[in-house]
Amino acid sequence: MITYIFRRLGTLVVILLGSSFILFNLAAISNDPIGELRLSRAPNAKELILVTTRELRLDLPPPLRYFMWLKNVLGTLVGHGNLGVTRTHESVASALGAAIPTTLRLVSAATFIAIILGITIGIVTALRQYSQFDYIMTFIAFLLFSLPIFWVAVLLKQFLAIQFNNFLGDPKITPFWLSGIGLVSGFLWASIIGGTRKRFWSVFVGVGIASAAIIVTIVKSHWLMNPGLGPFGIAIFGVGIAFGITHLSVGLSDKKALKASLFMVVIGLIAYYPSQIAFRNDHKAIIFPFMVLLTFLVAIGATFIFSKIDRGPLFRTTLLTAITISAVTILDKLMHTWKPYFESDAINGRPVPTIGQSNSLLEPGNYWLTTLDILMHLVLPTMALTAISFAGYIRYSRGTLLEVLNQDYIRTARAKGLTERTVIMRHAFRNTLIPLTTIIVVDIASIVGGAIITEHVFGWNGMGTLFNNALNNFDLNLLMGVFLVTASLAVLANLVADLLYSALDPRIRVGSQ
């Protein structure tokens, strides 16, 4: 294994050096930073040409300039080098250090949501092949996959920002929208649940009426202006979460796991008011790690209480339930922050922003207001990126699972009398992850590459913006700095994917390759 890793790392280093050499020379040959100065009639044009030539070392051939750049890059490994400076005399390392956190904040949430939603819906469509739900999601996937990201971003700005902000000023819903929401939600859930025609129409009517009633209740009670879950809402969500996670993890037939999950819900309700007091504490750097540690310890305690043997699956179930309940509790706190955020002078009754990374006019020092403001600025770009990328995961995971379900060992597992959940989760799904691993790892690695169009539309300054500026301004040092980060992550992602293959499939032994 170690020999294989070092051999692959050596190959990846060669690939990285070769690609960087090609990119540097192509960029240097194709761009002329002093082209406009040669045509300029300014009295100091010659002086500017000399200064630019000296700063960018344009008097040297591109290959020699590449090796000079490489010498500085390799010098950073021993603390005696740098990545150069940009055309604006800013350190490339500083520019990258400011852009990478912004890009991670922008793209990471969308990527992980797309992976989870895409794979989940893809698996459901594969299990419900040729059903109405399969046809609907296939249509939606192809539709979203074909839409340009800038057009989706403009639609989101118009309908989920501008018009939604107007709606919050005077929250009234017309019968047309009410009936439309009821019809769409009823048809969607009836397609998901499926069954006989009588069952389909029963679910359609029931869900449609329930959805319309919930919307009317929300609008009439002014819940949108002062939202919150409270202990009662968290209890309802918690019970659903406990049953759902237990079903996916070990099955509802495992009564010990179900009791342990419900026990975690009870613990979450008991800790609700103490957690609200802790949230008001100013020392968030201590409170949150302590809460994470406490959640982990409580999950371990519940595992030992409800199980004497085979504690691994039960611990997984209780820990996932505890983490989800904690996330819902934090969501409840953010909901209670919504009203003061909405009524603040900086927001002025328009809480869904269309541009920027944060609101500079917001009062500093309030942790929850600042956090909610950052999250609200993430809503539209995250939805745009998720809508485009998760469509590919739906189609790929659906096709992969259908291929696995037709294998002989799946039929053997069913013939042995295993439950359908066990066949799908333990046999089919695990093998489905093997081909999915490549695109998942590569997508996660490409997070740092940024999203050029999305960053431009929503006014974010991330890695995509740096890359675009480097091309437009003939900034070779900045271009190579962005390339060095993104390409390094890309080649390492391929190595990680190969190692994950051996973890997911014991038949693969990377050490023997």
Protein backbone atom coordinates (compact mmCIF):
# COMPACT_ATOMS: atom_id res chain seq x y z
CA MET A 1 0.00 0.00 0.00
CA ILE A 2 2.71 2.51 0.97
CA THR A 3 4.74 1.64 -2.14
CA TYR A 4 1.66 2.15 -4.29
CA ILE A 5 0.91 5.54 -2.71
CA PHE A 6 4.46 6.82 -3.24
CA ARG A 7 4.47 5.54 -6.81
CA ARG A 8 1.20 7.29 -7.55
CA LEU A 9 2.39 10.49 -5.87
CA GLY A 10 5.49 10.47 -8.08
CA THR A 11 3.32 10.08 -11.17
CA LEU A 12 1.00 12.88 -10.04
CA VAL A 13 3.94 15.22 -9.43
CA VAL A 14 5.17 14.61 -12.98
CA ILE A 15 1.66 15.31 -14.32
CA LEU A 16 1.43 18.49 -12.27
CA LEU A 17 4.81 19.76 -13.47
CA GLY A 18 4.04 18.96 -17.09
CA SER A 19 0.63 20.60 -17.07
CA SER A 20 1.93 23.69 -15.26
CA PHE A 21 4.75 24.04 -17.81
CA ILE A 22 2.29 23.85 -20.71
CA LEU A 23 -0.16 26.30 -19.14
CA PHE A 24 2.54 28.82 -18.25
CA ASN A 25 4.01 28.86 -21.73
CA LEU A 26 0.68 28.96 -23.53
CA ALA A 27 -0.52 31.84 -21.34
CA ALA A 28 2.77 33.70 -21.79
CA ILE A 29 2.76 33.29 -25.57
CA SER A 30 -0.91 34.12 -26.08
CA ASN A 31 -0.92 37.30 -23.97
CA ASP A 32 0.92 40.57 -24.56
CA PRO A 33 0.77 42.73 -21.40
CA ILE A 34 2.37 45.71 -23.13
CA GLY A 35 0.38 45.51 -26.38
CA GLU A 36 -1.82 48.49 -25.51
CA LEU A 37 1.15 50.50 -24.29
CA ARG A 38 2.87 50.12 -27.66
CA LEU A 39 -0.15 51.79 -29.32
CA SER A 40 -0.49 54.44 -26.63
CA ARG A 41 0.39 58.07 -27.36
CA ALA A 42 0.91 58.93 -23.72
CA PRO A 43 4.16 60.86 -23.05
CA ASN A 44 5.30 58.27 -20.49
CA ALA A 45 4.40 55.23 -22.63
CA LYS A 46 8.03 54.18 -23.11
CA GLU A 47 8.72 54.40 -19.39
CA LEU A 48 5.64 52.30 -18.65
CA ILE A 49 6.76 49.70 -21.17
CA LEU A 50 10.18 49.49 -19.51
CA VAL A 51 8.67 49.24 -16.02
CA THR A 52 6.19 46.52 -17.08
CA THR A 53 8.90 44.59 -18.92
CA ARG A 54 11.16 44.70 -15.88
CA GLU A 55 8.38 43.72 -13.43
CA LEU A 56 7.08 40.81 -15.52
CA ARG A 57 10.51 39.78 -16.86
CA LEU A 58 9.21 40.00 -20.42
CA ASP A 59 12.79 40.24 -21.72
CA LEU A 60 13.24 36.53 -20.90
CA PRO A 61 11.76 33.63 -22.92
CA PRO A 62 8.67 31.96 -21.37
CA PRO A 63 10.38 28.62 -20.55
CA LEU A 64 13.06 30.41 -18.53
CA ARG A 65 10.46 32.48 -16.73
CA TYR A 66 8.59 29.26 -15.88
CA PHE A 67 11.63 27.75 -14.19
CA MET A 68 12.16 30.98 -12.27
CA TRP A 69 8.56 30.77 -11.08
CA LEU A 70 8.99 27.08 -10.24
CA LYS A 71 12.11 27.86 -8.21
CA ASN A 72 10.13 30.28 -6.04
CA VAL A 73 7.27 27.80 -5.65
CA LEU A 74 9.57 24.99 -4.58
CA GLY A 75 11.27 27.39 -2.21
CA THR A 76 8.00 27.73 -0.27
CA LEU A 77 8.41 24.10 0.80
CA VAL A 78 11.48 25.07 2.83
CA GLY A 79 10.23 28.52 3.78
CA HIS A 80 12.37 30.50 1.32
CA GLY A 81 10.05 31.16 -1.57
CA ASN A 82 6.83 32.81 -2.66
CA LEU A 83 4.16 32.60 -5.34
CA GLY A 84 4.98 36.05 -6.70
CA VAL A 85 2.88 39.20 -6.81
CA THR A 86 -0.12 40.17 -8.90
CA ARG A 87 -0.28 43.02 -11.41
CA THR A 88 -1.68 45.16 -8.59
CA HIS A 89 1.41 44.39 -6.45
CA GLU A 90 -0.54 42.16 -4.06
CA SER A 91 0.93 38.91 -2.86
CA VAL A 92 -0.53 35.95 -4.75
CA ALA A 93 -0.53 33.95 -1.54
CA SER A 94 -2.58 36.66 0.19
CA ALA A 95 -5.04 36.81 -2.71
CA LEU A 96 -5.48 33.03 -2.61
CA GLY A 97 -5.81 33.07 1.16
CA ALA A 98 -8.68 35.56 0.92
CA ALA A 99 -10.43 33.81 -1.99
CA ILE A 100 -10.31 30.17 -0.85
CA PRO A 101 -12.52 30.61 2.28
CA THR A 102 -15.05 32.57 0.21
CA THR A 103 -15.19 29.86 -2.43
CA LEU A 104 -15.47 27.11 0.17
CA ARG A 105 -18.39 28.94 1.76
CA LEU A 106 -20.09 29.44 -1.60
CA VAL A 107 -19.61 26.09 -3.33
CA SER A 108 -19.18 23.49 -0.59
CA ALA A 109 -22.78 23.62 0.66
CA ALA A 110 -24.15 23.36 -2.89
CA THR A 111 -21.85 20.46 -3.71
CA PHE A 112 -22.71 18.40 -0.64
CA ILE A 113 -26.45 19.11 -0.98
CA ALA A 114 -26.29 18.11 -4.65
CA ILE A 115 -24.49 14.87 -3.78
CA ILE A 116 -26.94 13.90 -1.02
CA LEU A 117 -30.11 14.89 -2.89
CA GLY A 118 -28.93 13.58 -6.24
CA ILE A 119 -27.91 10.15 -4.95
CA THR A 120 -31.02 9.83 -2.76
CA ILE A 121 -33.45 10.74 -5.54
CA GLY A 122 -31.48 8.64 -8.03
CA ILE A 123 -31.80 5.58 -5.79
CA VAL A 124 -35.55 6.14 -5.31
CA THR A 125 -36.11 6.52 -9.06
CA ALA A 126 -34.15 3.33 -9.69
CA LEU A 127 -36.26 1.43 -7.15
CA ARG A 128 -39.41 2.92 -8.70
CA GLN A 129 -38.31 2.43 -12.31
CA TYR A 130 -40.88 3.50 -14.93
CA SER A 131 -43.17 4.89 -12.26
CA GLN A 132 -44.67 8.36 -12.44
CA PHE A 133 -42.08 9.61 -9.97
CA ASP A 134 -39.30 8.21 -12.18
CA TYR A 135 -40.70 9.99 -15.24
CA ILE A 136 -41.11 13.27 -13.33
CA MET A 137 -37.58 13.24 -11.91
CA THR A 138 -36.12 12.22 -15.27
CA PHE A 139 -37.84 15.20 -16.89
CA ILE A 140 -36.69 17.56 -14.12
CA ALA A 141 -33.11 16.22 -14.26
CA PHE A 142 -32.82 16.71 -18.02
CA LEU A 143 -34.45 20.14 -17.75
CA LEU A 144 -32.10 21.38 -15.03
CA PHE A 145 -29.07 19.82 -16.70
CA SER A 146 -29.77 21.77 -19.90
CA LEU A 147 -30.38 25.16 -18.27
CA PRO A 148 -27.54 27.73 -18.25
CA ILE A 149 -26.47 28.72 -14.77
CA PHE A 150 -26.71 32.48 -15.40
CA TRP A 151 -30.34 32.14 -16.51
CA VAL A 152 -31.21 30.09 -13.42
CA ALA A 153 -29.49 32.72 -11.26
CA VAL A 154 -31.52 35.53 -12.85
CA LEU A 155 -34.78 33.62 -12.29
CA LEU A 156 -33.87 32.99 -8.66
CA LYS A 157 -33.10 36.67 -8.15
CA GLN A 158 -36.42 37.70 -9.66
CA PHE A 159 -38.77 35.21 -7.99
CA LEU A 160 -37.06 34.11 -4.76
CA ALA A 161 -35.48 37.44 -3.87
CA ILE A 162 -37.25 40.45 -5.36
CA GLN A 163 -40.80 39.10 -5.46
CA PHE A 164 -40.45 37.11 -2.24
CA ASN A 165 -39.22 40.23 -0.43
CA ASN A 166 -42.25 42.07 -1.80
CA PHE A 167 -44.48 39.24 -0.59
CA LEU A 168 -43.06 39.49 2.95
CA GLY A 169 -44.03 43.16 3.02
CA ASP A 170 -47.69 42.17 2.61
CA PRO A 171 -47.99 38.36 3.00
CA LYS A 172 -51.14 37.38 1.14
CA ILE A 173 -51.58 34.29 -1.01
CA THR A 174 -54.10 34.17 -3.84
CA PRO A 175 -56.38 31.19 -4.52
CA PHE A 176 -54.45 30.56 -7.75
CA TRP A 177 -51.14 30.04 -5.94
CA LEU A 178 -52.83 28.12 -3.13
CA SER A 179 -54.43 25.66 -5.53
CA GLY A 180 -51.20 25.40 -7.53
CA ILE A 181 -49.14 24.52 -4.45
CA GLY A 182 -51.72 21.95 -3.39
CA LEU A 183 -51.84 20.31 -6.83
CA VAL A 184 -48.05 20.15 -7.24
CA SER A 185 -47.36 18.82 -3.73
CA GLY A 186 -50.21 16.30 -3.96
CA PHE A 187 -49.06 14.99 -7.34
CA LEU A 188 -45.43 14.79 -6.19
CA TRP A 189 -46.14 12.82 -3.01
CA ALA A 190 -48.68 10.58 -4.73
CA SER A 191 -46.02 9.77 -7.34
CA ILE A 192 -43.42 9.03 -4.66
CA ILE A 193 -45.69 6.77 -2.61
CA GLY A 194 -47.23 5.08 -5.65
CA GLY A 195 -49.47 2.03 -5.35
CA THR A 196 -52.86 1.38 -6.86
CA ARG A 197 -54.86 4.02 -8.67
CA LYS A 198 -57.18 4.38 -5.66
CA ARG A 199 -54.22 4.87 -3.35
CA PHE A 200 -52.66 7.38 -5.75
CA TRP A 201 -55.74 9.59 -5.84
CA SER A 202 -56.28 9.26 -2.09
CA VAL A 203 -52.74 10.48 -1.39
CA PHE A 204 -53.10 13.18 -4.06
CA VAL A 205 -56.24 14.63 -2.52
CA GLY A 206 -55.10 14.24 1.09
CA VAL A 207 -51.66 15.79 0.60
CA GLY A 208 -53.03 18.56 -1.62
CA ILE A 209 -55.61 19.63 0.96
CA ALA A 210 -53.08 19.33 3.81
CA SER A 211 -50.50 21.41 1.94
CA ALA A 212 -53.00 24.16 1.19
CA ALA A 213 -54.15 24.16 4.83
CA ILE A 214 -50.58 24.41 6.09
CA ILE A 215 -49.83 27.34 3.76
CA VAL A 216 -52.97 29.19 4.86
CA THR A 217 -52.12 28.59 8.53
CA ILE A 218 -48.57 29.86 8.06
CA VAL A 219 -49.73 33.04 6.31
CA LYS A 220 -52.64 33.78 8.66
CA SER A 221 -50.58 33.19 11.81
CA HIS A 222 -47.77 35.46 10.53
CA TRP A 223 -45.33 32.59 11.15
CA LEU A 224 -43.14 33.85 8.30
CA MET A 225 -42.46 37.04 10.24
CA ASN A 226 -41.73 35.33 13.55
CA PRO A 227 -40.79 31.70 12.81
CA GLY A 228 -39.66 29.07 15.28
CA LEU A 229 -40.07 25.41 16.14
CA GLY A 230 -39.90 25.33 19.92
CA PRO A 231 -39.85 22.10 21.95
CA PHE A 232 -43.09 20.87 20.37
CA GLY A 233 -41.86 21.31 16.81
CA ILE A 234 -38.50 19.77 17.63
CA ALA A 235 -40.29 16.80 19.23
CA ILE A 236 -42.31 16.19 16.07
CA PHE A 237 -39.27 16.52 13.84
CA GLY A 238 -37.22 14.43 16.24
CA VAL A 239 -39.59 11.48 16.20
CA GLY A 240 -39.69 11.54 12.42
CA ILE A 241 -35.90 11.78 12.28
CA ALA A 242 -35.50 8.88 14.74
CA PHE A 243 -37.78 6.60 12.70
CA GLY A 244 -36.23 7.65 9.39
CA ILE A 245 -32.59 7.21 10.43
CA THR A 246 -33.33 3.91 12.16
CA HIS A 247 -35.12 2.62 9.08
CA LEU A 248 -32.22 3.52 6.79
CA SER A 249 -29.48 2.41 9.17
CA VAL A 250 -30.63 -0.90 10.66
CA GLY A 251 -34.34 -1.23 9.93
CA LEU A 252 -37.35 -0.62 12.14
CA SER A 253 -37.30 -4.27 13.16
CA ASP A 254 -34.33 -3.47 15.40
CA LYS A 255 -36.26 -2.29 18.44
CA LYS A 256 -33.11 -1.52 20.44
CA ALA A 257 -31.89 0.93 17.82
CA LEU A 258 -35.32 2.56 17.58
CA LYS A 259 -35.52 2.95 21.37
CA ALA A 260 -32.00 4.41 21.45
CA SER A 261 -32.89 6.91 18.72
CA LEU A 262 -36.07 7.97 20.52
CA PHE A 263 -34.01 8.25 23.70
CA MET A 264 -31.75 10.73 21.88
CA VAL A 265 -34.84 12.74 20.97
CA VAL A 266 -35.84 12.89 24.62
CA ILE A 267 -32.32 14.00 25.58
CA GLY A 268 -32.50 16.68 22.89
CA LEU A 269 -35.77 18.01 24.31
CA ILE A 270 -34.37 18.02 27.84
CA ALA A 271 -31.32 19.95 26.60
CA TYR A 272 -33.42 22.46 24.63
CA TYR A 273 -33.62 25.24 27.21
CA PRO A 274 -30.05 24.78 28.52
CA SER A 275 -28.82 25.00 24.93
CA GLN A 276 -30.76 28.26 24.43
CA ILE A 277 -28.96 29.68 27.47
CA ALA A 278 -25.62 28.44 26.11
CA PHE A 279 -26.34 30.05 22.73
CA ARG A 280 -26.49 33.43 24.43
CA ASN A 281 -22.98 32.95 25.82
CA ASP A 282 -20.32 35.07 24.13
CA HIS A 283 -17.68 32.32 24.16
CA LYS A 284 -18.88 30.47 21.06
CA ALA A 285 -15.42 29.03 20.40
CA ILE A 286 -15.77 27.02 23.62
CA ILE A 287 -19.52 26.35 23.64
CA PHE A 288 -19.83 24.68 20.23
CA PRO A 289 -16.89 22.23 20.63
CA PHE A 290 -18.25 21.35 24.09
CA MET A 291 -21.71 20.67 22.63
CA VAL A 292 -20.20 18.46 19.91
CA LEU A 293 -18.25 16.49 22.50
CA LEU A 294 -21.32 16.17 24.73
CA THR A 295 -23.40 14.90 21.79
CA PHE A 296 -20.77 12.29 21.02
CA LEU A 297 -20.59 11.14 24.66
CA VAL A 298 -24.38 10.92 25.00
CA ALA A 299 -24.54 8.78 21.84
CA ILE A 300 -21.91 6.45 23.31
CA GLY A 301 -23.86 6.26 26.59
CA ALA A 302 -27.11 5.43 24.80
CA THR A 303 -25.33 2.71 22.84
CA PHE A 304 -24.10 1.00 26.01
CA ILE A 305 -27.49 1.37 27.71
CA PHE A 306 -29.55 -0.22 24.92
CA SER A 307 -27.11 -2.80 23.56
CA LYS A 308 -24.76 -5.37 25.04
CA ILE A 309 -23.33 -6.77 21.79
CA ASP A 310 -22.87 -5.55 18.23
CA ARG A 311 -22.84 -1.91 19.28
CA GLY A 312 -21.44 -0.52 16.00
CA PRO A 313 -24.72 -0.18 14.02
CA LEU A 314 -26.58 1.11 17.08
CA PHE A 315 -23.90 3.73 17.79
CA ARG A 316 -24.07 4.87 14.16
CA THR A 317 -27.83 5.23 14.41
CA THR A 318 -27.85 7.11 17.71
CA LEU A 319 -25.03 9.41 16.68
CA LEU A 320 -26.73 10.37 13.40
CA THR A 321 -29.97 11.01 15.29
CA ALA A 322 -28.18 13.13 17.90
CA ILE A 323 -26.37 15.19 15.25
CA THR A 324 -29.60 15.80 13.35
CA ILE A 325 -31.49 16.84 16.49
CA SER A 326 -28.66 19.24 17.35
CA ALA A 327 -28.85 20.71 13.85
CA VAL A 328 -32.62 21.22 14.22
CA THR A 329 -32.04 22.96 17.57
CA ILE A 330 -29.56 25.35 15.95
CA LEU A 331 -32.05 25.93 13.12
CA ASP A 332 -34.67 26.85 15.72
CA LYS A 333 -32.30 29.42 17.19
CA LEU A 334 -31.72 30.94 13.75
CA MET A 335 -35.49 31.06 13.22
CA HIS A 336 -35.90 33.07 16.41
CA THR A 337 -33.21 35.44 15.11
CA TRP A 338 -35.23 36.06 11.95
CA LYS A 339 -37.53 38.79 13.34
CA PRO A 340 -34.79 41.08 14.72
CA TYR A 341 -32.81 40.46 11.54
CA PHE A 342 -35.81 41.33 9.35
CA GLU A 343 -36.59 44.50 11.33
CA SER A 344 -33.01 45.82 11.48
CA ASP A 345 -32.24 49.02 9.58
CA ALA A 346 -29.56 47.32 7.50
CA ILE A 347 -32.07 44.78 6.12
CA ASN A 348 -35.01 47.17 5.86
CA GLY A 349 -37.60 44.42 5.37
CA ARG A 350 -35.82 42.73 2.44
CA PRO A 351 -34.02 39.73 3.97
CA VAL A 352 -33.19 37.79 0.78
CA PRO A 353 -30.17 39.50 -0.82
CA THR A 354 -29.37 39.35 -4.52
CA ILE A 355 -25.69 40.26 -4.44
CA GLY A 356 -22.68 40.23 -2.14
CA GLN A 357 -21.24 37.97 0.52
CA SER A 358 -22.58 39.82 3.56
CA ASN A 359 -24.27 43.06 4.58
CA SER A 360 -21.61 45.53 5.73
CA LEU A 361 -24.27 47.78 7.30
CA LEU A 362 -25.39 45.12 9.77
CA GLU A 363 -24.56 45.79 13.38
CA PRO A 364 -21.33 43.96 14.23
CA GLY A 365 -20.84 41.88 17.34
CA ASN A 366 -24.10 39.90 17.23
CA TYR A 367 -23.07 36.34 16.40
CA TRP A 368 -26.49 35.02 15.42
CA LEU A 369 -27.46 38.04 13.30
CA THR A 370 -24.13 37.81 11.48
CA THR A 371 -24.51 34.05 10.96
CA LEU A 372 -28.05 34.44 9.65
CA ASP A 373 -26.90 37.21 7.31
CA ILE A 374 -24.14 35.00 5.89
CA LEU A 375 -26.60 32.14 5.41
CA MET A 376 -29.13 34.38 3.68
CA HIS A 377 -26.45 35.53 1.24
CA LEU A 378 -25.76 31.85 0.52
CA VAL A 379 -29.36 30.94 -0.28
CA LEU A 380 -29.59 31.98 -3.94
CA PRO A 381 -26.11 30.93 -5.14
CA THR A 382 -26.44 27.60 -3.34
CA MET A 383 -29.81 26.93 -4.96
CA ALA A 384 -28.46 27.86 -8.40
CA LEU A 385 -25.42 25.59 -8.13
CA THR A 386 -27.41 22.75 -6.57
CA ALA A 387 -30.14 22.86 -9.21
CA ILE A 388 -27.61 22.47 -12.01
CA SER A 389 -25.25 19.90 -10.51
CA PHE A 390 -27.59 17.52 -8.68
CA ALA A 391 -29.35 16.59 -11.94
CA GLY A 392 -26.22 14.72 -13.06
CA TYR A 393 -26.09 12.79 -9.80
CA ILE A 394 -29.71 11.70 -10.25
CA ARG A 395 -29.09 10.17 -13.66
CA TYR A 396 -25.73 8.64 -12.80
CA SER A 397 -26.82 7.06 -9.50
CA ARG A 398 -30.04 5.78 -11.08
CA GLY A 399 -28.24 4.07 -13.93
CA THR A 400 -25.56 2.63 -11.65
CA LEU A 401 -28.06 1.18 -9.17
CA LEU A 402 -30.16 -0.35 -11.95
CA GLU A 403 -27.05 -2.04 -13.27
CA VAL A 404 -26.18 -3.41 -9.81
CA LEU A 405 -29.74 -4.63 -9.16
CA ASN A 406 -29.50 -6.86 -12.22
CA GLN A 407 -26.45 -8.70 -10.91
CA ASP A 408 -26.61 -12.35 -9.86
CA TYR A 409 -25.57 -11.73 -6.25
CA ILE A 410 -28.59 -9.42 -5.75
CA ARG A 411 -30.93 -12.18 -6.88
CA THR A 412 -29.07 -14.58 -4.58
CA ALA A 413 -29.49 -12.22 -1.62
CA ARG A 414 -33.22 -12.01 -2.26
CA ALA A 415 -33.46 -15.77 -2.66
CA LYS A 416 -31.85 -16.20 0.77
CA GLY A 417 -34.83 -14.39 2.28
CA LEU A 418 -33.12 -11.10 3.16
CA THR A 419 -35.39 -8.09 3.53
CA GLU A 420 -35.55 -5.62 0.68
CA ARG A 421 -33.99 -2.92 2.86
CA THR A 422 -31.01 -5.17 3.62
CA VAL A 423 -30.59 -6.07 -0.03
CA ILE A 424 -30.66 -2.44 -1.12
CA MET A 425 -28.65 -0.81 1.67
CA ARG A 426 -26.03 -3.49 2.43
CA HIS A 427 -25.53 -5.09 -0.96
CA ALA A 428 -26.71 -2.86 -3.82
CA PHE A 429 -26.03 0.61 -2.41
CA ARG A 430 -22.48 -0.18 -1.28
CA ASN A 431 -21.53 -1.42 -4.74
CA THR A 432 -23.27 1.55 -6.31
CA LEU A 433 -20.90 3.83 -4.40
CA ILE A 434 -17.83 2.38 -6.15
CA PRO A 435 -18.39 4.06 -9.55
CA LEU A 436 -19.93 7.10 -7.84
CA THR A 437 -16.76 7.58 -5.79
CA THR A 438 -14.83 9.01 -8.72
CA ILE A 439 -17.23 11.84 -9.56
CA ILE A 440 -17.93 12.58 -5.89
CA VAL A 441 -14.25 12.94 -4.97
CA VAL A 442 -13.46 14.98 -8.08
CA ASP A 443 -16.44 17.27 -7.43
CA ILE A 444 -15.36 17.85 -3.83
CA ALA A 445 -11.83 18.63 -5.00
CA SER A 446 -13.16 21.07 -7.59
CA ILE A 447 -14.92 23.08 -4.87
CA VAL A 448 -11.84 25.26 -4.47
CA GLY A 449 -11.87 25.96 -8.21
CA GLY A 450 -14.86 28.16 -7.66
CA ALA A 451 -17.80 28.91 -9.92
CA ILE A 452 -16.85 31.73 -12.26
CA ILE A 453 -20.32 32.55 -13.60
CA THR A 454 -22.09 32.19 -10.27
CA GLU A 455 -19.53 34.33 -8.47
CA HIS A 456 -19.87 37.01 -11.13
CA VAL A 457 -23.70 37.03 -11.11
CA PHE A 458 -23.96 37.19 -7.32
CA GLY A 459 -20.96 39.47 -6.74
CA TRP A 460 -18.70 37.06 -4.83
CA ASN A 461 -14.92 37.35 -4.86
CA GLY A 462 -13.68 33.76 -4.84
CA MET A 463 -11.28 31.56 -6.78
CA GLY A 464 -13.41 31.77 -9.90
CA THR A 465 -13.19 35.56 -9.83
CA LEU A 466 -9.42 35.40 -9.32
CA PHE A 467 -9.07 33.09 -12.31
CA ASN A 468 -11.20 35.39 -14.48
CA ASN A 469 -9.23 38.47 -13.38
CA ALA A 470 -5.94 36.71 -14.08
CA LEU A 471 -7.02 35.97 -17.66
CA ASN A 472 -8.42 39.45 -18.31
CA ASN A 473 -5.44 41.30 -16.81
CA PHE A 474 -2.72 39.03 -18.24
CA ASP A 475 -1.69 38.28 -14.66
CA LEU A 476 0.52 35.21 -15.09
CA ASN A 477 1.53 34.87 -11.44
CA LEU A 478 -2.08 34.96 -10.27
CA LEU A 479 -3.14 32.49 -12.97
CA MET A 480 -0.44 30.03 -11.97
CA GLY A 481 -1.28 30.44 -8.30
CA VAL A 482 -4.92 29.51 -8.93
CA PHE A 483 -3.81 26.63 -11.15
CA LEU A 484 -1.39 25.33 -8.52
CA VAL A 485 -4.13 25.06 -5.90
CA THR A 486 -6.85 23.59 -8.12
CA ALA A 487 -4.60 21.20 -10.05
CA SER A 488 -2.98 19.88 -6.86
CA LEU A 489 -6.38 19.09 -5.41
CA ALA A 490 -7.48 17.47 -8.67
CA VAL A 491 -4.55 15.05 -8.85
CA LEU A 492 -4.83 14.24 -5.14
CA ALA A 493 -8.54 13.55 -5.63
CA ASN A 494 -7.70 10.81 -8.10
CA LEU A 495 -5.39 9.18 -5.55
CA VAL A 496 -8.07 9.41 -2.85
CA ALA A 497 -10.61 7.83 -5.23
CA ASP A 498 -8.30 4.87 -5.86
CA LEU A 499 -7.81 4.36 -2.12
CA LEU A 500 -11.55 4.57 -1.50
CA TYR A 501 -12.09 1.83 -4.08
CA SER A 502 -10.18 -0.61 -1.90
CA ALA A 503 -12.15 0.47 1.18
CA LEU A 504 -15.52 0.00 -0.54
CA ASP A 505 -14.64 -3.20 -2.40
CA PRO A 506 -12.36 -5.73 -0.63
CA ARG A 507 -11.68 -7.37 -4.01
CA ILE A 508 -9.61 -4.35 -4.99
CA ARG A 509 -6.10 -4.41 -3.57
CA VAL A 510 -4.18 -1.30 -4.52
CA GLY A 511 -0.99 -2.69 -3.04
CA SER A 512 -0.86 -5.39 -5.72
CA GLN A 513 -1.15 -2.98 -8.63
